[in-house]
N, C-alpha and C. Protein backbone atom coordinates (compact mmCIF):
# COMPACT_ATOMS: atom_id res chain seq x y z
N UNK A 1 200.00 -55.94 134.77
CA UNK A 1 200.56 -56.22 133.47
C UNK A 1 202.08 -56.08 133.59
N UNK A 2 202.77 -56.94 132.88
CA UNK A 2 204.22 -56.90 132.86
C UNK A 2 204.71 -56.06 131.69
N UNK A 3 205.83 -55.40 131.89
CA UNK A 3 206.45 -54.61 130.83
C UNK A 3 206.77 -55.49 129.62
N UNK A 4 207.11 -56.74 129.88
CA UNK A 4 207.44 -57.67 128.78
C UNK A 4 206.22 -57.98 127.91
N UNK A 5 205.02 -57.88 128.46
CA UNK A 5 203.79 -58.07 127.67
C UNK A 5 203.48 -56.82 126.84
N UNK A 6 203.75 -55.67 127.43
CA UNK A 6 203.42 -54.40 126.80
C UNK A 6 204.39 -54.04 125.68
N UNK A 7 205.65 -54.30 125.87
CA UNK A 7 206.68 -53.84 124.94
C UNK A 7 206.46 -54.27 123.49
N UNK A 8 206.13 -55.53 123.20
CA UNK A 8 205.92 -55.90 121.79
C UNK A 8 204.77 -55.14 121.13
N UNK A 9 203.71 -54.87 121.87
CA UNK A 9 202.58 -54.12 121.34
C UNK A 9 203.01 -52.68 121.04
N UNK A 10 203.75 -52.09 121.96
CA UNK A 10 204.26 -50.74 121.75
C UNK A 10 205.18 -50.67 120.54
N UNK A 11 206.10 -51.62 120.44
CA UNK A 11 207.06 -51.61 119.33
C UNK A 11 206.38 -51.79 117.98
N UNK A 12 205.38 -52.66 117.92
CA UNK A 12 204.66 -52.88 116.66
C UNK A 12 203.91 -51.61 116.25
N UNK A 13 203.19 -51.01 117.19
CA UNK A 13 202.44 -49.79 116.88
C UNK A 13 203.38 -48.65 116.52
N UNK A 14 204.48 -48.53 117.23
CA UNK A 14 205.45 -47.48 116.92
C UNK A 14 206.02 -47.66 115.52
N UNK A 15 206.36 -48.89 115.17
CA UNK A 15 206.90 -49.16 113.83
C UNK A 15 205.89 -48.80 112.74
N UNK A 16 204.61 -49.03 113.01
CA UNK A 16 203.57 -48.70 112.03
C UNK A 16 203.49 -47.20 111.78
N UNK A 17 203.99 -46.39 112.72
CA UNK A 17 204.00 -44.93 112.57
C UNK A 17 205.42 -44.41 112.30
N UNK A 18 206.33 -45.31 111.97
CA UNK A 18 207.74 -44.96 111.72
C UNK A 18 208.39 -44.33 112.95
N UNK A 19 207.94 -44.76 114.12
CA UNK A 19 208.49 -44.26 115.38
C UNK A 19 209.34 -45.34 116.03
N UNK A 20 210.04 -44.93 117.05
CA UNK A 20 210.79 -45.88 117.88
C UNK A 20 210.49 -45.57 119.34
N UNK A 21 210.55 -46.61 120.15
CA UNK A 21 210.36 -46.45 121.59
C UNK A 21 211.69 -46.00 122.18
N UNK A 22 211.68 -44.87 122.87
CA UNK A 22 212.88 -44.35 123.50
C UNK A 22 213.00 -44.89 124.92
N UNK A 23 211.86 -44.92 125.62
CA UNK A 23 211.88 -45.32 127.02
C UNK A 23 210.51 -45.81 127.45
N UNK A 24 210.52 -46.81 128.31
CA UNK A 24 209.30 -47.28 128.98
C UNK A 24 209.60 -47.29 130.47
N UNK A 25 208.87 -46.47 131.21
CA UNK A 25 209.05 -46.40 132.65
C UNK A 25 207.79 -46.97 133.29
N UNK A 26 208.00 -47.95 134.17
CA UNK A 26 206.86 -48.59 134.85
C UNK A 26 207.07 -48.51 136.36
N UNK A 27 205.97 -48.37 137.08
CA UNK A 27 206.08 -48.41 138.54
C UNK A 27 205.32 -49.63 139.07
N UNK A 28 205.32 -49.78 140.37
CA UNK A 28 204.69 -50.96 140.99
C UNK A 28 203.17 -50.96 140.89
N UNK A 29 202.58 -49.83 140.51
CA UNK A 29 201.12 -49.72 140.40
C UNK A 29 200.62 -49.88 138.97
N UNK A 30 201.46 -50.42 138.08
CA UNK A 30 201.10 -50.61 136.67
C UNK A 30 200.82 -49.30 135.94
N UNK A 31 201.57 -48.26 136.29
CA UNK A 31 201.55 -47.01 135.56
C UNK A 31 202.72 -47.03 134.60
N UNK A 32 202.44 -46.87 133.31
CA UNK A 32 203.47 -46.92 132.28
C UNK A 32 203.57 -45.57 131.60
N UNK A 33 204.77 -45.01 131.58
CA UNK A 33 205.06 -43.79 130.84
C UNK A 33 205.98 -44.17 129.69
N UNK A 34 205.52 -43.93 128.47
CA UNK A 34 206.25 -44.32 127.27
C UNK A 34 206.68 -43.06 126.52
N UNK A 35 207.93 -43.02 126.13
CA UNK A 35 208.44 -41.92 125.32
C UNK A 35 208.81 -42.47 123.95
N UNK A 36 208.32 -41.79 122.90
CA UNK A 36 208.59 -42.20 121.53
C UNK A 36 209.31 -41.08 120.79
N UNK A 37 209.89 -41.42 119.66
CA UNK A 37 210.52 -40.42 118.81
C UNK A 37 210.53 -40.95 117.38
N UNK A 38 210.76 -40.09 116.42
CA UNK A 38 210.96 -40.49 115.03
C UNK A 38 211.69 -39.38 114.31
N UNK A 39 212.26 -39.71 113.17
CA UNK A 39 212.95 -38.70 112.37
C UNK A 39 211.96 -37.60 112.02
N UNK A 40 212.33 -36.39 112.25
CA UNK A 40 211.44 -35.26 112.00
C UNK A 40 210.57 -34.95 113.20
N UNK A 41 210.59 -35.80 114.21
CA UNK A 41 209.84 -35.57 115.44
C UNK A 41 208.47 -36.22 115.44
N UNK A 42 208.20 -36.96 116.47
CA UNK A 42 206.88 -37.56 116.66
C UNK A 42 205.91 -36.47 117.08
N UNK A 43 204.63 -36.70 116.79
CA UNK A 43 203.62 -35.71 117.15
C UNK A 43 202.49 -36.36 117.93
N UNK A 44 201.51 -35.56 118.24
CA UNK A 44 200.39 -36.03 119.06
C UNK A 44 199.66 -37.19 118.38
N UNK A 45 199.51 -37.16 117.06
CA UNK A 45 198.84 -38.25 116.34
C UNK A 45 199.59 -39.56 116.52
N UNK A 46 200.92 -39.51 116.56
CA UNK A 46 201.71 -40.72 116.81
C UNK A 46 201.45 -41.25 118.21
N UNK A 47 201.43 -40.35 119.18
CA UNK A 47 201.16 -40.75 120.57
C UNK A 47 199.79 -41.39 120.69
N UNK A 48 198.81 -40.76 120.07
CA UNK A 48 197.44 -41.27 120.15
C UNK A 48 197.32 -42.64 119.47
N UNK A 49 197.96 -42.81 118.33
CA UNK A 49 197.91 -44.09 117.62
C UNK A 49 198.47 -45.22 118.49
N UNK A 50 199.61 -44.97 119.09
CA UNK A 50 200.24 -46.00 119.91
C UNK A 50 199.41 -46.28 121.16
N UNK A 51 198.87 -45.23 121.76
CA UNK A 51 198.02 -45.41 122.93
C UNK A 51 196.79 -46.26 122.59
N UNK A 52 196.16 -45.97 121.46
CA UNK A 52 194.97 -46.73 121.05
C UNK A 52 195.30 -48.19 120.71
N UNK A 53 196.49 -48.43 120.19
CA UNK A 53 196.91 -49.81 119.90
C UNK A 53 197.00 -50.62 121.19
N UNK A 54 197.50 -49.99 122.24
CA UNK A 54 197.58 -50.68 123.53
C UNK A 54 196.19 -50.89 124.10
N UNK A 55 195.32 -49.89 123.98
CA UNK A 55 193.94 -50.05 124.47
C UNK A 55 193.24 -51.21 123.76
N UNK A 56 193.52 -51.38 122.49
CA UNK A 56 192.90 -52.46 121.73
C UNK A 56 193.46 -53.83 122.13
N UNK A 57 194.69 -53.85 122.59
CA UNK A 57 195.35 -55.13 122.91
C UNK A 57 195.09 -55.61 124.34
N UNK A 58 194.83 -54.67 125.25
CA UNK A 58 194.69 -55.03 126.66
C UNK A 58 193.43 -54.40 127.24
N UNK A 59 192.69 -55.17 128.00
CA UNK A 59 191.49 -54.67 128.68
C UNK A 59 191.93 -53.98 129.97
N UNK A 60 191.70 -52.68 130.06
CA UNK A 60 192.14 -51.92 131.24
C UNK A 60 191.46 -52.41 132.51
N UNK A 61 190.25 -52.91 132.41
CA UNK A 61 189.56 -53.40 133.60
C UNK A 61 190.19 -54.69 134.13
N UNK A 62 190.68 -55.50 133.24
CA UNK A 62 191.31 -56.76 133.64
C UNK A 62 192.77 -56.53 134.04
N UNK A 63 193.50 -55.81 133.22
CA UNK A 63 194.93 -55.60 133.45
C UNK A 63 195.21 -54.53 134.51
N UNK A 64 194.26 -53.61 134.73
CA UNK A 64 194.39 -52.56 135.72
C UNK A 64 195.71 -51.79 135.56
N UNK A 65 195.81 -51.05 134.47
CA UNK A 65 197.01 -50.28 134.17
C UNK A 65 196.65 -48.87 133.75
N UNK A 66 197.63 -48.00 133.80
CA UNK A 66 197.51 -46.64 133.28
C UNK A 66 198.65 -46.44 132.30
N UNK A 67 198.37 -45.76 131.18
CA UNK A 67 199.37 -45.57 130.14
C UNK A 67 199.37 -44.13 129.68
N UNK A 68 200.56 -43.56 129.59
CA UNK A 68 200.73 -42.27 128.94
C UNK A 68 201.84 -42.43 127.91
N UNK A 69 201.63 -41.82 126.76
CA UNK A 69 202.61 -41.86 125.67
C UNK A 69 202.96 -40.42 125.33
N UNK A 70 204.25 -40.12 125.35
CA UNK A 70 204.72 -38.78 125.01
C UNK A 70 205.91 -38.87 124.08
N UNK A 71 206.39 -37.73 123.65
CA UNK A 71 207.55 -37.66 122.76
C UNK A 71 208.65 -36.86 123.45
N UNK A 72 209.79 -36.81 122.81
CA UNK A 72 210.87 -36.00 123.34
C UNK A 72 210.42 -34.54 123.44
N UNK A 73 209.53 -34.11 122.55
CA UNK A 73 209.04 -32.73 122.55
C UNK A 73 207.76 -32.52 123.33
N UNK A 74 207.02 -33.61 123.60
CA UNK A 74 205.75 -33.52 124.32
C UNK A 74 205.82 -34.54 125.46
N UNK A 75 205.77 -34.08 126.69
CA UNK A 75 205.82 -34.99 127.82
C UNK A 75 204.53 -35.82 127.87
N UNK A 76 204.56 -36.97 128.53
CA UNK A 76 203.34 -37.77 128.65
C UNK A 76 202.19 -36.98 129.26
N UNK A 77 202.48 -36.14 130.25
CA UNK A 77 201.43 -35.34 130.88
C UNK A 77 200.84 -34.33 129.91
N UNK A 78 201.71 -33.68 129.11
CA UNK A 78 201.23 -32.73 128.11
C UNK A 78 200.39 -33.43 127.05
N UNK A 79 200.81 -34.63 126.64
CA UNK A 79 200.04 -35.39 125.64
C UNK A 79 198.67 -35.73 126.18
N UNK A 80 198.59 -36.17 127.45
CA UNK A 80 197.30 -36.48 128.06
C UNK A 80 196.40 -35.25 128.08
N UNK A 81 196.98 -34.10 128.43
CA UNK A 81 196.21 -32.86 128.50
C UNK A 81 195.71 -32.45 127.11
N UNK A 82 196.58 -32.54 126.11
CA UNK A 82 196.18 -32.20 124.75
C UNK A 82 195.06 -33.10 124.25
N UNK A 83 195.18 -34.40 124.54
CA UNK A 83 194.12 -35.33 124.12
C UNK A 83 192.82 -35.05 124.84
N UNK A 84 192.88 -34.71 126.11
CA UNK A 84 191.66 -34.42 126.89
C UNK A 84 190.98 -33.17 126.36
N UNK A 85 191.75 -32.20 125.96
CA UNK A 85 191.19 -30.94 125.45
C UNK A 85 190.69 -31.06 124.02
N UNK A 86 191.15 -32.10 123.31
CA UNK A 86 190.76 -32.32 121.91
C UNK A 86 189.32 -32.81 121.80
N UNK A 87 188.80 -33.42 122.84
CA UNK A 87 187.47 -34.04 122.79
C UNK A 87 186.36 -33.04 122.91
């Protein structure tokens, strides 16, 4: 998947949560680390919403990508851990 395909989906989902995309880091293996922020601070629910919007837009089996969404206060790794422990 190309960053140019992912970015509009991220921006739309972020706007729906009153967030903004701070950074999108991609590597050659289609691993995307996204950092978001918003006035008052983004939270785990914002990260989860944006992550789910991407899951709905792209088939992971076809696109073969990994995505983590974090905030300035919550790293992508911490967000993944929090979501895993929430289940």
